[in-house]
Amino acid sequence: METFNSKMVSRIVGVSLRQIQYWDERGFIRPSVKLAEGRGTQRLYSFFDLVQLKVIKDLTDYGLSLQKVRRCLSYLRRSFPDTPQPLSSLRYLTDGEKLFVLTSDKNKILDVMDRQFVFSLGIGNLVRELNGEVRRITGRAGRQVAREERRAEGKRAASA
């Protein structure tokens, strides 16, 4: 297994040595290979540690505060005990304010901040489903719906 000292981690991930030390001292992200044991000892990190550190850096670069990331990580560790390193094994979305975890069900997304699921709804599928219902109920070929779809497509193309 390849290991990385703090200087290498700093260069690879793009965070300062002080930040790495701070995250370790606070128990936020600790080196999994070798902890610092006093002055002058080296911290040694695994590749998975690098992934976690990079995820934290990217989330903070995208606008999440370190406090929010810390709260989310604490929640994920409690809620997913079978996932020992949630930062390196889950998939995330953020808008800079909230953190979302993608689940195995592509329509279900976990809002980690509010600790509840949100649902994804594809409008394209909704339009097709609605068109089918219109055709079924009215018995017509849905000419009006087709015209509306073409008009909507034209507006999207013009605004792009």
Protein backbone atom coordinates (compact mmCIF):
# COMPACT_ATOMS: atom_id res chain seq x y z
CA MET A 1 0.00 0.00 0.00
CA GLU A 2 1.33 3.39 -0.99
CA THR A 3 1.49 5.97 1.80
CA PHE A 4 1.74 9.74 1.70
CA ASN A 5 3.26 12.12 4.26
CA SER A 6 1.72 15.51 5.04
CA LYS A 7 3.89 17.41 2.54
CA MET A 8 2.89 15.09 -0.29
CA VAL A 9 -0.76 15.28 0.76
CA SER A 10 -0.57 19.07 0.78
CA ARG A 11 0.79 19.18 -2.76
CA ILE A 12 -1.53 16.49 -4.14
CA VAL A 13 -4.77 17.68 -2.54
CA GLY A 14 -4.04 21.41 -2.57
CA VAL A 15 -4.51 22.23 1.11
CA SER A 16 -1.99 23.74 3.50
CA LEU A 17 0.07 21.71 5.94
CA ARG A 18 -1.61 23.63 8.75
CA GLN A 19 -5.06 22.66 7.45
CA ILE A 20 -4.07 18.99 7.36
CA GLN A 21 -2.73 19.23 10.91
CA TYR A 22 -5.87 21.05 12.11
CA TRP A 23 -8.21 18.46 10.57
CA ASP A 24 -6.20 15.67 12.23
CA GLU A 25 -6.06 17.35 15.65
CA ARG A 26 -9.82 17.95 15.62
CA GLY A 27 -10.52 14.35 14.59
CA PHE A 28 -12.17 15.53 11.39
CA ILE A 29 -9.99 13.51 8.99
CA ARG A 30 -7.25 11.48 10.61
CA PRO A 31 -4.47 9.64 8.81
CA SER A 32 -5.38 5.97 8.62
CA VAL A 33 -1.81 4.66 8.24
CA LYS A 34 0.08 6.47 11.01
CA LEU A 35 -1.00 9.16 13.43
CA ALA A 36 1.33 11.90 14.60
CA GLU A 37 2.70 10.88 18.00
CA GLY A 38 4.18 14.10 19.23
CA ARG A 39 6.48 16.75 17.87
CA GLY A 40 8.49 15.76 14.81
CA THR A 41 6.62 12.57 13.95
CA GLN A 42 5.06 12.08 10.54
CA ARG A 43 1.44 11.56 9.70
CA LEU A 44 1.02 8.93 6.99
CA TYR A 45 -2.06 8.88 4.80
CA SER A 46 -3.52 6.24 2.48
CA PHE A 47 -4.96 6.89 -0.96
CA PHE A 48 -8.48 6.72 0.53
CA ASP A 49 -7.45 9.43 3.00
CA LEU A 50 -6.42 11.56 0.01
CA VAL A 51 -9.83 11.03 -1.57
CA GLN A 52 -11.57 12.15 1.63
CA LEU A 53 -9.35 15.21 1.98
CA LYS A 54 -9.94 16.14 -1.66
CA VAL A 55 -13.71 15.79 -1.25
CA ILE A 56 -13.61 18.13 1.77
CA LYS A 57 -11.46 20.62 -0.13
CA ASP A 58 -13.80 20.53 -3.13
CA LEU A 59 -16.93 20.91 -0.99
CA THR A 60 -15.45 23.95 0.77
CA ASP A 61 -14.28 25.34 -2.59
CA TYR A 62 -17.87 25.02 -3.83
CA GLY A 63 -19.06 27.16 -0.92
CA LEU A 64 -19.92 24.81 1.95
CA SER A 65 -18.49 25.96 5.25
CA LEU A 66 -16.19 23.61 7.10
CA GLN A 67 -18.74 23.53 9.94
CA LYS A 68 -21.45 22.29 7.55
CA VAL A 69 -19.10 19.67 6.11
CA ARG A 70 -18.21 18.56 9.63
CA ARG A 71 -21.89 18.27 10.65
CA CYS A 72 -22.71 16.35 7.47
CA LEU A 73 -19.77 14.00 7.93
CA SER A 74 -20.77 13.33 11.53
CA TYR A 75 -24.34 12.55 10.43
CA LEU A 76 -23.15 10.28 7.59
CA ARG A 77 -20.84 8.35 9.93
CA ARG A 78 -23.73 7.76 12.36
CA SER A 79 -26.32 7.00 9.68
CA PHE A 80 -24.16 4.76 7.51
CA PRO A 81 -22.16 2.68 10.01
CA ASP A 82 -21.41 0.09 7.31
CA THR A 83 -19.67 2.82 5.30
CA PRO A 84 -16.51 3.56 7.32
CA GLN A 85 -15.27 6.26 4.93
CA PRO A 86 -18.39 7.99 3.61
CA LEU A 87 -16.43 10.78 1.96
CA SER A 88 -14.56 8.37 -0.30
CA SER A 89 -17.39 5.96 -1.08
CA LEU A 90 -20.57 8.01 -1.56
CA ARG A 91 -21.49 10.36 -4.41
CA TYR A 92 -22.31 13.98 -3.64
CA LEU A 93 -24.05 17.03 -5.09
CA THR A 94 -23.94 20.54 -3.66
CA ASP A 95 -25.30 23.95 -4.51
CA GLY A 96 -22.87 25.63 -2.12
CA GLU A 97 -25.47 25.74 0.65
CA LYS A 98 -26.64 22.16 1.03
CA LEU A 99 -25.05 18.77 0.60
CA PHE A 100 -26.86 15.93 -1.14
CA VAL A 101 -25.91 12.25 -1.33
CA LEU A 102 -26.92 10.25 -4.38
CA THR A 103 -28.42 6.89 -3.51
CA SER A 104 -28.62 3.66 -5.47
CA ASP A 105 -32.15 4.74 -6.48
CA LYS A 106 -31.46 7.49 -9.02
CA ASN A 107 -34.75 9.20 -8.15
CA LYS A 108 -33.97 9.42 -4.41
CA ILE A 109 -31.41 11.90 -3.11
CA LEU A 110 -30.52 12.43 0.57
CA ASP A 111 -30.43 16.05 1.75
CA VAL A 112 -27.76 15.59 4.41
CA MET A 113 -28.31 19.01 6.00
CA ASP A 114 -32.04 18.48 6.59
CA ARG A 115 -31.65 14.72 7.04
CA GLN A 116 -34.44 13.85 4.65
CA PHE A 117 -34.86 12.50 1.16
CA VAL A 118 -35.69 14.65 -1.82
CA PHE A 119 -36.95 13.18 -5.06
CA SER A 120 -35.88 13.73 -8.63
CA LEU A 121 -38.60 14.25 -11.20
CA GLY A 122 -37.74 14.21 -14.91
CA ILE A 123 -39.96 16.61 -16.86
CA GLY A 124 -39.39 14.79 -20.16
CA ASN A 125 -40.94 11.63 -18.75
CA LEU A 126 -43.81 13.64 -17.29
CA VAL A 127 -44.59 15.21 -20.70
CA ARG A 128 -44.55 11.80 -22.42
CA GLU A 129 -46.78 10.32 -19.72
CA LEU A 130 -49.19 13.24 -19.93
CA ASN A 131 -49.28 13.01 -23.73
CA GLY A 132 -50.16 9.32 -23.44
CA GLU A 133 -52.97 10.11 -21.00
CA VAL A 134 -54.35 12.82 -23.28
CA ARG A 135 -54.35 10.40 -26.22
CA ARG A 136 -55.95 7.67 -24.15
CA ILE A 137 -58.68 9.86 -22.65
CA THR A 138 -59.56 11.98 -25.66
CA GLY A 139 -59.13 9.23 -28.23
CA ARG A 140 -57.38 11.74 -30.47
CA ALA A 141 -53.83 11.50 -31.76
CA GLY A 142 -52.80 14.30 -29.45
CA ARG A 143 -52.23 16.80 -32.24
CA GLN A 144 -52.63 19.73 -29.89
CA VAL A 145 -50.16 18.23 -27.43
CA ALA A 146 -47.68 17.61 -30.25
CA ARG A 147 -47.98 21.26 -31.35
CA GLU A 148 -47.39 22.38 -27.78
CA GLU A 149 -44.31 20.14 -27.54
CA ARG A 150 -42.92 21.57 -30.80
CA ARG A 151 -43.58 25.11 -29.61
CA ALA A 152 -41.80 24.38 -26.29
CA GLU A 153 -38.85 22.83 -28.18
CA GLY A 154 -38.65 25.94 -30.39
CA LYS A 155 -38.61 28.24 -27.36
CA ARG A 156 -35.86 26.17 -25.71
CA ALA A 157 -33.78 26.24 -28.91
CA ALA A 158 -34.26 30.00 -29.28
CA SER A 159 -33.21 30.69 -25.68
CA ALA A 160 -30.09 28.50 -25.91
